[in-house]
């Protein structure tokens, strides 16, 4: 029996690894599970941590996380606490000015002032609110897991050891947007918006334990953020392979290509896929593209669709259910990840899990997920519309190749990239973080973490939520 097991106490079940079940605070300043990887990460990781026998309290701001409904495996172990911001970017009134009666404290004033000056305040303001809540609830948690907030408020004593996930350095997004900016004014706006990355660099260097999702991201965290390599640990994430699985009863639509992308985020490379589609249609007139994401009414992607006469050949869908998303991917003859860079690429793993053959670029960590060219996918250089077109045409014209890559892709995901494996690896790092501080005790400040750089208040606010029934949209 382990030391933790001996302290579990009579009548308290052990966790799946034989240790004492942990009480985990999982923080996320953005929780939408349908737009962006942070919400997807929280949703699936929290479920699997609960299935392993741990108690997980997700603490999040708008858009609030959607947690999977409790079942016999997770009953009583998974909950959501809402930590509201002013929600300044909500639809349909983004960049709104809140009414006087909405202000609650100085953190709200900071949030509005940062927005008014063109910055993005949510990482720092969420971290300050989370710090206040965590210190007021000292002793409730064995470990605090931050999902890439990297805010000043999480430095110093927050009542429990801190583990932080950095999916990839946001400085990569910043540079890609600067490279795509077509005017001095646009470059100024990009620099101002991404001003929070200076804070994230400072915070990251002072973190005792950083998790990331790929070897590529690990290297970039070292290079871009200056974090010591021995503090950065790779725990691969994955697909929900029970949900994303083949289903022969779903008919494939001839010529259908599916991708997940935000229309005008340069990092996603959608404009190159649109250009590639125009080339593909010269050989395969039935070829068409379905984009899971919000359509931009103007910008490079909209302009490319108009320029190549593809108005009827590119469809955008958003706000669909999990089941609808899975069936959409199953119905495609080809899935495509055209990104210039990804820290992991959940869409690649999910498409492969359904047995849908994949065309993917070699940007960032995508090759770690998609595997070798010609074995589990067709791989092309990022930003090369001609190479994308050639690979898509090859797959659309070769059903035997599609079937072989589809089978091999699912086998790769089952062997390497599942949420159960991700949760097991994450728990191992929780236990290491706890052992480095005050083993089996709560309430101690993490050793080796510098004092907070931001002021704090002593008032605690929190709103305890329930599992949301409605599905959010982008």
Protein backbone atom coordinates (compact mmCIF):
# COMPACT_ATOMS: atom_id res chain seq x y z
CA UNK A 1 0.00 0.00 0.00
CA UNK A 2 1.27 3.49 -0.88
CA UNK A 3 1.82 6.21 1.71
CA UNK A 4 -1.14 8.11 0.25
CA UNK A 5 -3.29 5.02 0.39
CA UNK A 6 -2.51 4.49 4.06
CA UNK A 7 -3.71 8.03 4.78
CA UNK A 8 -6.91 7.72 2.77
CA UNK A 9 -8.76 6.74 5.91
CA UNK A 10 -11.36 4.07 6.51
CA UNK A 11 -14.39 4.15 4.27
CA UNK A 12 -12.81 6.41 1.63
CA UNK A 13 -12.28 4.71 -1.72
CA UNK A 14 -8.88 4.89 -3.31
CA UNK A 15 -8.30 6.54 -6.67
CA UNK A 16 -7.57 4.42 -9.72
CA UNK A 17 -3.81 4.71 -9.18
CA UNK A 18 -4.07 3.37 -5.61
CA UNK A 19 -3.46 6.75 -4.00
CA UNK A 20 -5.65 9.05 -1.96
CA UNK A 21 -8.38 10.73 -4.05
CA UNK A 22 -7.48 14.36 -4.70
CA UNK A 23 -9.59 17.51 -4.45
CA UNK A 24 -8.75 19.48 -7.60
CA UNK A 25 -9.53 23.08 -8.54
CA UNK A 26 -9.43 23.31 -12.35
CA UNK A 27 -9.32 26.93 -13.54
CA UNK A 28 -10.30 28.17 -16.98
CA UNK A 29 -10.83 31.81 -17.91
CA UNK A 30 -12.65 30.74 -21.10
CA UNK A 31 -14.74 27.60 -21.09
CA UNK A 32 -16.62 27.36 -24.39
CA UNK A 33 -16.18 23.71 -25.42
CA UNK A 34 -17.23 24.33 -29.03
CA UNK A 35 -14.84 27.13 -30.04
CA UNK A 36 -11.20 26.65 -29.19
CA UNK A 37 -9.26 23.97 -27.40
CA UNK A 38 -9.36 25.32 -23.83
CA UNK A 39 -13.01 24.48 -23.23
CA UNK A 40 -12.66 21.08 -24.88
CA UNK A 41 -9.67 20.34 -22.63
CA UNK A 42 -11.55 21.25 -19.46
CA UNK A 43 -14.67 19.33 -20.39
CA UNK A 44 -12.96 16.04 -21.19
CA UNK A 45 -10.13 16.18 -18.67
CA UNK A 46 -12.49 16.97 -15.78
CA UNK A 47 -14.72 14.03 -16.69
CA UNK A 48 -11.83 11.58 -16.85
CA UNK A 49 -10.28 12.87 -13.62
CA UNK A 50 -13.62 12.25 -11.89
CA UNK A 51 -13.80 8.76 -13.38
CA UNK A 52 -10.40 8.05 -11.83
CA UNK A 53 -11.93 8.76 -8.41
CA UNK A 54 -10.93 12.39 -7.82
CA UNK A 55 -13.17 15.34 -6.95
CA UNK A 56 -12.93 18.10 -9.55
CA UNK A 57 -14.33 21.59 -9.11
CA UNK A 58 -14.11 23.52 -12.36
CA UNK A 59 -13.88 27.27 -11.73
CA UNK A 60 -14.52 29.29 -14.86
CA UNK A 61 -15.63 32.56 -16.39
CA UNK A 62 -17.84 33.32 -19.37
CA UNK A 63 -18.45 31.55 -21.65
CA UNK A 64 -18.90 29.08 -18.84
CA UNK A 65 -17.59 25.53 -19.24
CA UNK A 66 -19.99 22.77 -20.19
CA UNK A 67 -19.31 19.67 -18.13
CA UNK A 68 -20.46 16.20 -19.06
CA UNK A 69 -23.46 15.01 -17.09
CA UNK A 70 -22.61 13.01 -14.01
CA UNK A 71 -23.07 9.27 -14.12
CA UNK A 72 -22.44 6.34 -11.81
CA UNK A 73 -18.68 6.74 -12.28
CA UNK A 74 -18.49 10.45 -11.55
CA UNK A 75 -21.47 11.12 -9.29
CA UNK A 76 -20.66 13.73 -6.68
CA UNK A 77 -17.13 14.25 -7.99
CA UNK A 78 -17.63 16.88 -10.68
CA UNK A 79 -18.99 20.41 -10.18
CA UNK A 80 -18.87 23.87 -11.70
CA UNK A 81 -18.31 27.14 -9.86
CA UNK A 82 -18.97 30.24 -11.91
CA UNK A 83 -16.53 33.12 -11.39
CA UNK A 84 -18.13 35.82 -13.52
CA UNK A 85 -16.30 38.53 -15.39
CA UNK A 86 -18.08 41.51 -16.95
CA UNK A 87 -18.29 39.43 -20.15
CA UNK A 88 -17.20 42.34 -22.32
CA UNK A 89 -16.91 40.29 -25.52
CA UNK A 90 -20.25 38.50 -25.45
CA UNK A 91 -22.47 38.37 -28.50
CA UNK A 92 -24.30 40.26 -29.84
CA UNK A 93 -22.61 43.28 -28.20
CA UNK A 94 -18.84 42.66 -28.04
CA UNK A 95 -16.65 45.45 -26.63
CA UNK A 96 -19.64 46.75 -24.73
CA UNK A 97 -19.47 49.42 -22.03
CA UNK A 98 -21.06 48.05 -18.85
CA UNK A 99 -23.59 50.04 -16.86
CA UNK A 100 -22.59 51.72 -13.61
CA UNK A 101 -24.51 49.16 -11.54
CA UNK A 102 -22.47 46.30 -13.04
CA UNK A 103 -19.22 47.35 -11.36
CA UNK A 104 -18.48 45.32 -8.24
CA UNK A 105 -14.88 46.16 -7.37
CA UNK A 106 -11.54 47.44 -8.62
CA UNK A 107 -10.96 44.30 -10.72
CA UNK A 108 -14.03 45.17 -12.80
CA UNK A 109 -12.65 48.69 -13.29
CA UNK A 110 -9.32 47.22 -14.43
CA UNK A 111 -11.13 44.94 -16.88
CA UNK A 112 -12.98 47.82 -18.53
CA UNK A 113 -9.97 50.14 -18.57
CA UNK A 114 -7.82 47.52 -20.29
CA UNK A 115 -10.50 46.93 -22.93
CA UNK A 116 -10.90 50.67 -23.53
CA UNK A 117 -7.18 50.96 -24.27
CA UNK A 118 -7.27 48.12 -26.80
CA UNK A 119 -5.92 45.33 -24.59
CA UNK A 120 -7.30 41.94 -23.64
CA UNK A 121 -7.94 41.90 -19.86
CA UNK A 122 -9.43 38.46 -19.16
CA UNK A 123 -6.26 36.52 -18.22
CA UNK A 124 -5.17 39.01 -15.56
CA UNK A 125 -8.62 39.82 -14.19
CA UNK A 126 -9.66 36.16 -14.00
CA UNK A 127 -6.42 35.32 -12.19
CA UNK A 128 -7.09 38.03 -9.59
CA UNK A 129 -10.64 36.83 -8.99
CA UNK A 130 -9.45 33.21 -8.78
CA UNK A 131 -6.73 34.15 -6.28
CA UNK A 132 -9.31 35.81 -4.05
CA UNK A 133 -11.61 32.79 -4.16
CA UNK A 134 -8.83 30.24 -3.61
CA UNK A 135 -7.36 32.06 -0.63
CA UNK A 136 -10.81 32.40 0.93
CA UNK A 137 -11.25 28.64 0.52
CA UNK A 138 -7.85 27.58 1.78
CA UNK A 139 -7.88 23.91 2.70
CA UNK A 140 -10.56 22.91 0.19
CA UNK A 141 -8.13 21.73 -2.50
CA UNK A 142 -5.07 19.50 -2.73
CA UNK A 143 -3.94 21.07 -6.00
CA UNK A 144 -4.87 23.96 -8.28
CA UNK A 145 -4.66 23.33 -12.02
CA UNK A 146 -4.61 26.46 -14.18
CA UNK A 147 -5.61 26.10 -17.82
CA UNK A 148 -3.32 28.69 -19.48
CA UNK A 149 -4.48 31.79 -17.62
CA UNK A 150 -0.88 32.63 -16.66
CA UNK A 151 -2.04 35.69 -14.74
CA UNK A 152 -0.23 37.55 -11.97
CA UNK A 153 -2.93 36.59 -9.47
CA UNK A 154 -1.84 32.95 -9.54
CA UNK A 155 1.67 33.66 -8.27
CA UNK A 156 2.48 33.34 -4.61
CA UNK A 157 0.31 31.69 -1.98
CA UNK A 158 -3.01 30.52 -3.41
CA UNK A 159 -3.62 27.89 -0.76
CA UNK A 160 -2.46 24.79 -2.65
CA UNK A 161 0.28 23.68 -5.05
CA UNK A 162 -0.13 24.99 -8.60
CA UNK A 163 0.13 23.02 -11.84
CA UNK A 164 -0.32 24.95 -15.09
CA UNK A 165 -1.18 23.75 -18.59
CA UNK A 166 0.22 25.78 -21.48
CA UNK A 167 -1.21 24.42 -24.72
CA UNK A 168 1.21 26.54 -26.70
CA UNK A 169 2.72 30.00 -26.24
CA UNK A 170 0.26 32.69 -27.40
CA UNK A 171 3.31 34.57 -28.65
CA UNK A 172 3.11 32.24 -31.68
CA UNK A 173 -0.41 33.51 -32.49
CA UNK A 174 0.79 37.07 -31.98
CA UNK A 175 3.63 36.71 -34.47
CA UNK A 176 1.43 35.07 -37.10
CA UNK A 177 -1.12 37.88 -36.80
CA UNK A 178 1.64 40.50 -37.05
CA UNK A 179 2.97 38.78 -40.17
CA UNK A 180 -0.52 38.89 -41.71
CA UNK A 181 -1.20 42.54 -40.77
CA UNK A 182 -1.41 44.75 -43.85
CA UNK A 183 -1.04 48.19 -42.28
CA UNK A 184 0.80 50.02 -39.54
CA UNK A 185 -2.47 50.63 -37.71
CA UNK A 186 -3.34 46.92 -37.82
CA UNK A 187 0.10 45.98 -36.47
CA UNK A 188 -0.33 48.47 -33.63
CA UNK A 189 -3.73 46.96 -32.77
CA UNK A 190 -2.31 43.44 -32.76
CA UNK A 191 0.54 44.43 -30.45
CA UNK A 192 -1.86 46.18 -28.09
CA UNK A 193 -4.34 43.28 -28.01
CA UNK A 194 -1.58 40.78 -27.28
CA UNK A 195 -0.06 42.94 -24.57
CA UNK A 196 -1.04 40.28 -22.01
CA UNK A 197 1.65 37.97 -23.44
CA UNK A 198 4.28 40.03 -21.58
CA UNK A 199 2.56 39.08 -18.33
CA UNK A 200 2.31 35.44 -19.41
CA UNK A 201 6.05 35.31 -20.10
CA UNK A 202 6.85 36.70 -16.65
CA UNK A 203 4.46 34.34 -14.91
CA UNK A 204 5.50 31.26 -16.89
CA UNK A 205 9.14 31.63 -15.85
CA UNK A 206 8.14 31.46 -12.19
CA UNK A 207 5.93 28.39 -12.38
CA UNK A 208 7.14 25.22 -10.64
CA UNK A 209 5.26 22.74 -12.86
CA UNK A 210 4.08 23.23 -16.44
CA UNK A 211 2.17 20.65 -18.48
CA UNK A 212 1.91 20.87 -22.23
CA UNK A 213 0.31 18.76 -24.92
CA UNK A 214 3.16 17.99 -27.33
CA UNK A 215 6.91 17.92 -27.73
CA UNK A 216 6.66 20.78 -30.20
CA UNK A 217 4.88 22.95 -27.63
CA UNK A 218 7.42 21.95 -24.99
CA UNK A 219 10.26 23.32 -27.12
CA UNK A 220 8.36 26.52 -27.90
CA UNK A 221 7.58 27.12 -24.22
CA UNK A 222 11.30 26.86 -23.51
CA UNK A 223 12.25 29.09 -26.47
CA UNK A 224 9.45 31.68 -26.38
CA UNK A 225 8.67 31.91 -22.68
CA UNK A 226 12.04 31.11 -21.15
CA UNK A 227 10.75 28.31 -18.91
CA UNK A 228 13.36 25.82 -17.77
CA UNK A 229 13.02 22.57 -19.71
CA UNK A 230 13.01 20.44 -16.57
CA UNK A 231 9.82 22.20 -15.45
CA UNK A 232 7.89 21.46 -18.67
CA UNK A 233 6.27 18.03 -18.99
CA UNK A 234 4.43 16.58 -22.00
CA UNK A 235 1.05 14.95 -21.36
CA UNK A 236 -0.66 14.25 -24.67
CA UNK A 237 -4.38 14.97 -24.87
CA UNK A 238 -6.70 13.10 -27.16
CA UNK A 239 -10.05 12.35 -28.71
CA UNK A 240 -13.19 11.02 -27.08
CA UNK A 241 -12.88 7.68 -28.83
CA UNK A 242 -16.25 6.45 -27.57
CA UNK A 243 -17.92 9.35 -29.34
CA UNK A 244 -15.57 9.79 -32.29
CA UNK A 245 -15.68 6.32 -33.79
CA UNK A 246 -16.51 4.86 -37.21
CA UNK A 247 -20.14 4.23 -38.09
CA UNK A 248 -20.73 2.51 -41.46
CA UNK A 249 -24.41 3.48 -41.33
CA UNK A 250 -23.47 7.14 -41.98
CA UNK A 251 -23.24 7.60 -45.74
CA UNK A 252 -20.27 9.44 -47.15
CA UNK A 253 -21.07 12.49 -49.28
CA UNK A 254 -19.05 12.42 -52.53
CA UNK A 255 -16.48 15.20 -52.66
CA UNK A 256 -17.06 16.38 -49.08
CA UNK A 257 -14.05 17.86 -47.28
CA UNK A 258 -14.47 18.92 -43.66
CA UNK A 259 -12.32 21.19 -41.51
CA UNK A 260 -12.55 23.01 -38.18
CA UNK A 261 -11.42 26.61 -38.33
CA UNK A 262 -11.99 30.18 -37.27
CA UNK A 263 -12.45 31.96 -40.58
CA UNK A 264 -9.86 34.74 -40.39
CA UNK A 265 -7.42 33.57 -37.75
CA UNK A 266 -4.20 33.43 -39.82
CA UNK A 267 -2.85 30.54 -37.75
CA UNK A 268 -5.64 28.25 -39.02
CA UNK A 269 -4.64 28.56 -42.69
CA UNK A 270 -8.22 28.41 -43.99
CA UNK A 271 -7.48 30.81 -46.84
CA UNK A 272 -5.00 28.27 -48.29
CA UNK A 273 -7.61 25.51 -48.09
CA UNK A 274 -10.12 27.67 -49.97
CA UNK A 275 -7.54 28.30 -52.69
CA UNK A 276 -6.76 24.57 -52.78
CA UNK A 277 -10.46 23.76 -53.17
CA UNK A 278 -10.60 25.87 -56.32
CA UNK A 279 -7.77 23.78 -57.78
CA UNK A 280 -9.30 20.48 -56.64
CA UNK A 281 -12.60 21.25 -58.36
CA UNK A 282 -10.91 21.28 -61.76
CA UNK A 283 -10.40 17.50 -61.34
CA UNK A 284 -13.26 16.73 -58.95
CA UNK A 285 -16.21 19.05 -59.71
CA UNK A 286 -18.23 17.60 -56.82
CA UNK A 287 -15.62 18.69 -54.27
CA UNK A 288 -16.97 21.04 -51.59
CA UNK A 289 -15.88 22.22 -48.15
CA UNK A 290 -17.77 22.25 -44.84
CA UNK A 291 -16.13 24.45 -42.19
CA UNK A 292 -17.00 23.93 -38.53
CA UNK A 293 -16.74 27.49 -37.31
CA UNK A 294 -18.04 30.99 -37.71
CA UNK A 295 -18.14 32.58 -41.16
CA UNK A 296 -16.50 35.98 -41.53
CA UNK A 297 -18.50 38.30 -43.75
CA UNK A 298 -15.35 40.08 -44.87
CA UNK A 299 -11.63 39.43 -44.76
CA UNK A 300 -9.16 37.16 -46.59
CA UNK A 301 -11.31 34.01 -46.50
CA UNK A 302 -14.48 35.74 -47.71
CA UNK A 303 -12.48 37.49 -50.41
CA UNK A 304 -10.92 34.20 -51.55
CA UNK A 305 -14.34 32.52 -51.73
CA UNK A 306 -15.61 35.35 -53.93
CA UNK A 307 -12.43 35.51 -56.02
CA UNK A 308 -12.57 31.82 -56.93
CA UNK A 309 -16.35 31.69 -57.37
CA UNK A 310 -16.86 29.22 -54.51
CA UNK A 311 -19.93 30.78 -52.86
CA UNK A 312 -21.96 27.58 -53.29
CA UNK A 313 -19.09 25.25 -52.47
CA UNK A 314 -18.05 26.41 -48.99
CA UNK A 315 -20.47 26.03 -46.10
CA UNK A 316 -19.94 27.20 -42.50
CA UNK A 317 -21.71 25.51 -39.59
CA UNK A 318 -21.60 26.48 -35.92
CA UNK A 319 -23.33 25.62 -32.66
CA UNK A 320 -23.88 21.99 -33.62
CA UNK A 321 -24.17 19.18 -31.08
CA UNK A 322 -21.48 16.58 -30.49
CA UNK A 323 -23.52 13.97 -32.32
CA UNK A 324 -24.01 16.28 -35.30
CA UNK A 325 -20.30 17.07 -35.39
CA UNK A 326 -19.34 13.39 -35.35
CA UNK A 327 -21.79 12.54 -38.13
CA UNK A 328 -20.51 15.48 -40.17
CA UNK A 329 -16.93 14.21 -39.91
CA UNK A 330 -18.06 10.66 -40.72
CA UNK A 331 -19.91 11.90 -43.80
CA UNK A 332 -16.76 13.48 -45.27
CA UNK A 333 -14.53 11.63 -47.68
CA UNK A 334 -11.58 13.67 -46.40
CA UNK A 335 -10.83 15.67 -43.25
CA UNK A 336 -8.30 18.47 -43.50
CA UNK A 337 -6.16 20.42 -41.02
CA UNK A 338 -4.62 23.31 -43.03
CA UNK A 339 -3.17 25.16 -40.03
CA UNK A 340 0.11 27.02 -40.20
CA UNK A 341 0.66 25.99 -36.60
CA UNK A 342 -1.03 23.91 -33.90
CA UNK A 343 0.08 23.14 -30.37
CA UNK A 344 -1.64 19.75 -30.68
CA UNK A 345 -4.67 19.62 -33.06
CA UNK A 346 -7.73 18.03 -31.54
CA UNK A 347 -9.58 18.17 -34.90
CA UNK A 348 -6.90 15.92 -36.39
CA UNK A 349 -7.19 13.37 -33.56
CA UNK A 350 -11.00 13.44 -33.67
CA UNK A 351 -11.17 12.97 -37.43
CA UNK A 352 -8.70 10.09 -37.26
CA UNK A 353 -10.72 8.51 -34.45
CA UNK A 354 -13.78 8.35 -36.73
CA UNK A 355 -11.75 6.59 -39.40
CA UNK A 356 -11.97 9.57 -41.76
CA UNK A 357 -8.75 9.91 -43.79
CA UNK A 358 -6.75 13.04 -43.05
CA UNK A 359 -4.79 15.61 -45.02
CA UNK A 360 -2.77 17.76 -42.63
CA UNK A 361 0.07 20.23 -42.71
CA UNK A 362 3.33 19.78 -40.85
CA UNK A 363 2.82 22.99 -38.83
CA UNK A 364 3.81 22.84 -35.17
CA UNK A 365 2.77 19.64 -33.39
CA UNK A 366 0.45 18.34 -36.11
CA UNK A 367 2.90 15.61 -37.26
CA UNK A 368 3.08 14.29 -33.67
CA UNK A 369 -0.67 13.71 -33.83
CA UNK A 370 -1.26 12.83 -37.48
CA UNK A 371 1.76 10.56 -37.88
CA UNK A 372 3.92 9.74 -40.90
CA UNK A 373 3.00 10.85 -44.40
CA UNK A 374 1.48 8.00 -46.37
CA UNK A 375 0.97 5.79 -43.30
CA UNK A 376 -1.68 7.48 -41.17
CA UNK A 377 -2.29 10.69 -43.17
CA UNK A 378 -1.13 12.70 -46.15
CA UNK A 379 1.18 15.46 -44.92
CA UNK A 380 1.90 18.74 -46.73
CA UNK A 381 3.91 21.88 -45.92
CA UNK A 382 1.96 24.66 -44.17
CA UNK A 383 0.85 27.58 -46.32
CA UNK A 384 1.14 25.63 -49.62
CA UNK A 385 -2.20 25.63 -51.43
CA UNK A 386 -0.81 23.63 -54.32
CA UNK A 387 0.40 20.82 -52.08
CA UNK A 388 -2.95 20.82 -50.24
CA UNK A 389 -4.79 20.56 -53.56
CA UNK A 390 -2.62 17.67 -54.76
CA UNK A 391 -3.14 15.68 -51.54
CA UNK A 392 -6.90 16.31 -51.47
CA UNK A 393 -7.27 15.31 -55.12
CA UNK A 394 -5.23 12.16 -54.53
CA UNK A 395 -7.48 11.04 -51.67
CA UNK A 396 -10.74 11.94 -53.37
CA UNK A 397 -9.70 9.83 -56.35
CA UNK A 398 -8.47 6.76 -54.44
CA UNK A 399 -11.01 4.93 -52.25
CA UNK A 400 -8.53 2.20 -51.27
CA UNK A 401 -6.06 4.79 -49.98
CA UNK A 402 -8.86 6.51 -48.05
CA UNK A 403 -9.82 3.23 -46.38
CA UNK A 404 -6.21 2.33 -45.49
CA UNK A 405 -5.38 5.75 -43.99
CA UNK A 406 -8.70 5.83 -42.14
CA UNK A 407 -8.04 2.49 -40.41
CA UNK A 408 -4.44 3.37 -39.56
CA UNK A 409 -5.43 6.77 -38.23
CA UNK A 410 -7.93 5.34 -35.77
CA UNK A 411 -5.44 2.75 -34.56
CA UNK A 412 -2.90 5.51 -33.91
CA UNK A 413 -5.37 7.53 -31.83
CA UNK A 414 -6.48 4.52 -29.79
CA UNK A 415 -2.86 3.68 -29.00
CA UNK A 416 -1.64 7.20 -28.15
CA UNK A 417 -4.27 9.91 -27.78
CA UNK A 418 -7.19 9.29 -25.43
CA UNK A 419 -8.56 11.42 -22.60
CA UNK A 420 -8.21 8.54 -20.13
CA UNK A 421 -4.46 8.41 -20.77
CA UNK A 422 -4.29 12.22 -20.49
CA UNK A 423 -6.00 12.15 -17.08
CA UNK A 424 -3.69 9.44 -15.76
CA UNK A 425 -0.61 11.39 -16.80
CA UNK A 426 -1.99 14.61 -15.33
CA UNK A 427 -2.68 13.01 -11.94
CA UNK A 428 0.91 11.77 -11.77
CA UNK A 429 2.10 15.37 -12.06
CA UNK A 430 -0.43 16.53 -9.45
CA UNK A 431 1.03 14.07 -6.99
CA UNK A 432 4.57 15.21 -7.79
CA UNK A 433 3.57 18.85 -7.20
CA UNK A 434 1.97 17.98 -3.86
CA UNK A 435 5.02 15.96 -2.80
CA UNK A 436 7.31 18.92 -3.54
CA UNK A 437 5.42 21.14 -1.11
CA UNK A 438 3.83 19.64 1.99
CA UNK A 439 2.97 16.03 1.23
CA UNK A 440 -0.59 15.02 2.17
CA UNK A 441 -1.30 18.42 3.71
CA UNK A 442 -3.23 21.38 2.40
CA UNK A 443 -2.88 25.09 2.79
CA UNK A 444 0.85 25.54 2.22
CA UNK A 445 2.30 27.98 -0.29
CA UNK A 446 4.03 26.18 -3.16
CA UNK A 447 7.73 26.06 -2.61
CA UNK A 448 9.88 27.99 -5.02
CA UNK A 449 7.08 30.29 -6.22
CA UNK A 450 7.72 34.00 -5.89
CA UNK A 451 5.22 36.37 -4.22
CA UNK A 452 2.41 37.74 -6.32
CA UNK A 453 3.12 40.80 -8.42
CA UNK A 454 -0.44 42.11 -8.27
CA UNK A 455 -2.34 43.49 -5.29
CA UNK A 456 -5.03 41.41 -3.69
CA UNK A 457 -8.27 41.98 -1.88
CA UNK A 458 -9.78 40.00 0.94
CA UNK A 459 -13.39 39.81 -0.24
CA UNK A 460 -14.46 36.51 -1.75
CA UNK A 461 -17.14 36.18 -4.41
CA UNK A 462 -18.32 33.07 -6.15
CA UNK A 463 -21.47 31.74 -7.73
CA UNK A 464 -21.99 28.02 -7.64
CA UNK A 465 -23.50 26.79 -10.89
CA UNK A 466 -25.14 23.63 -12.16
CA UNK A 467 -24.51 21.59 -15.28
CA UNK A 468 -25.66 23.67 -18.25
CA UNK A 469 -28.37 22.11 -20.37
CA UNK A 470 -28.19 24.38 -23.39
CA UNK A 471 -25.34 24.30 -25.90
CA UNK A 472 -23.28 27.42 -26.49
CA UNK A 473 -22.49 28.77 -29.91
CA UNK A 474 -19.44 30.55 -31.16
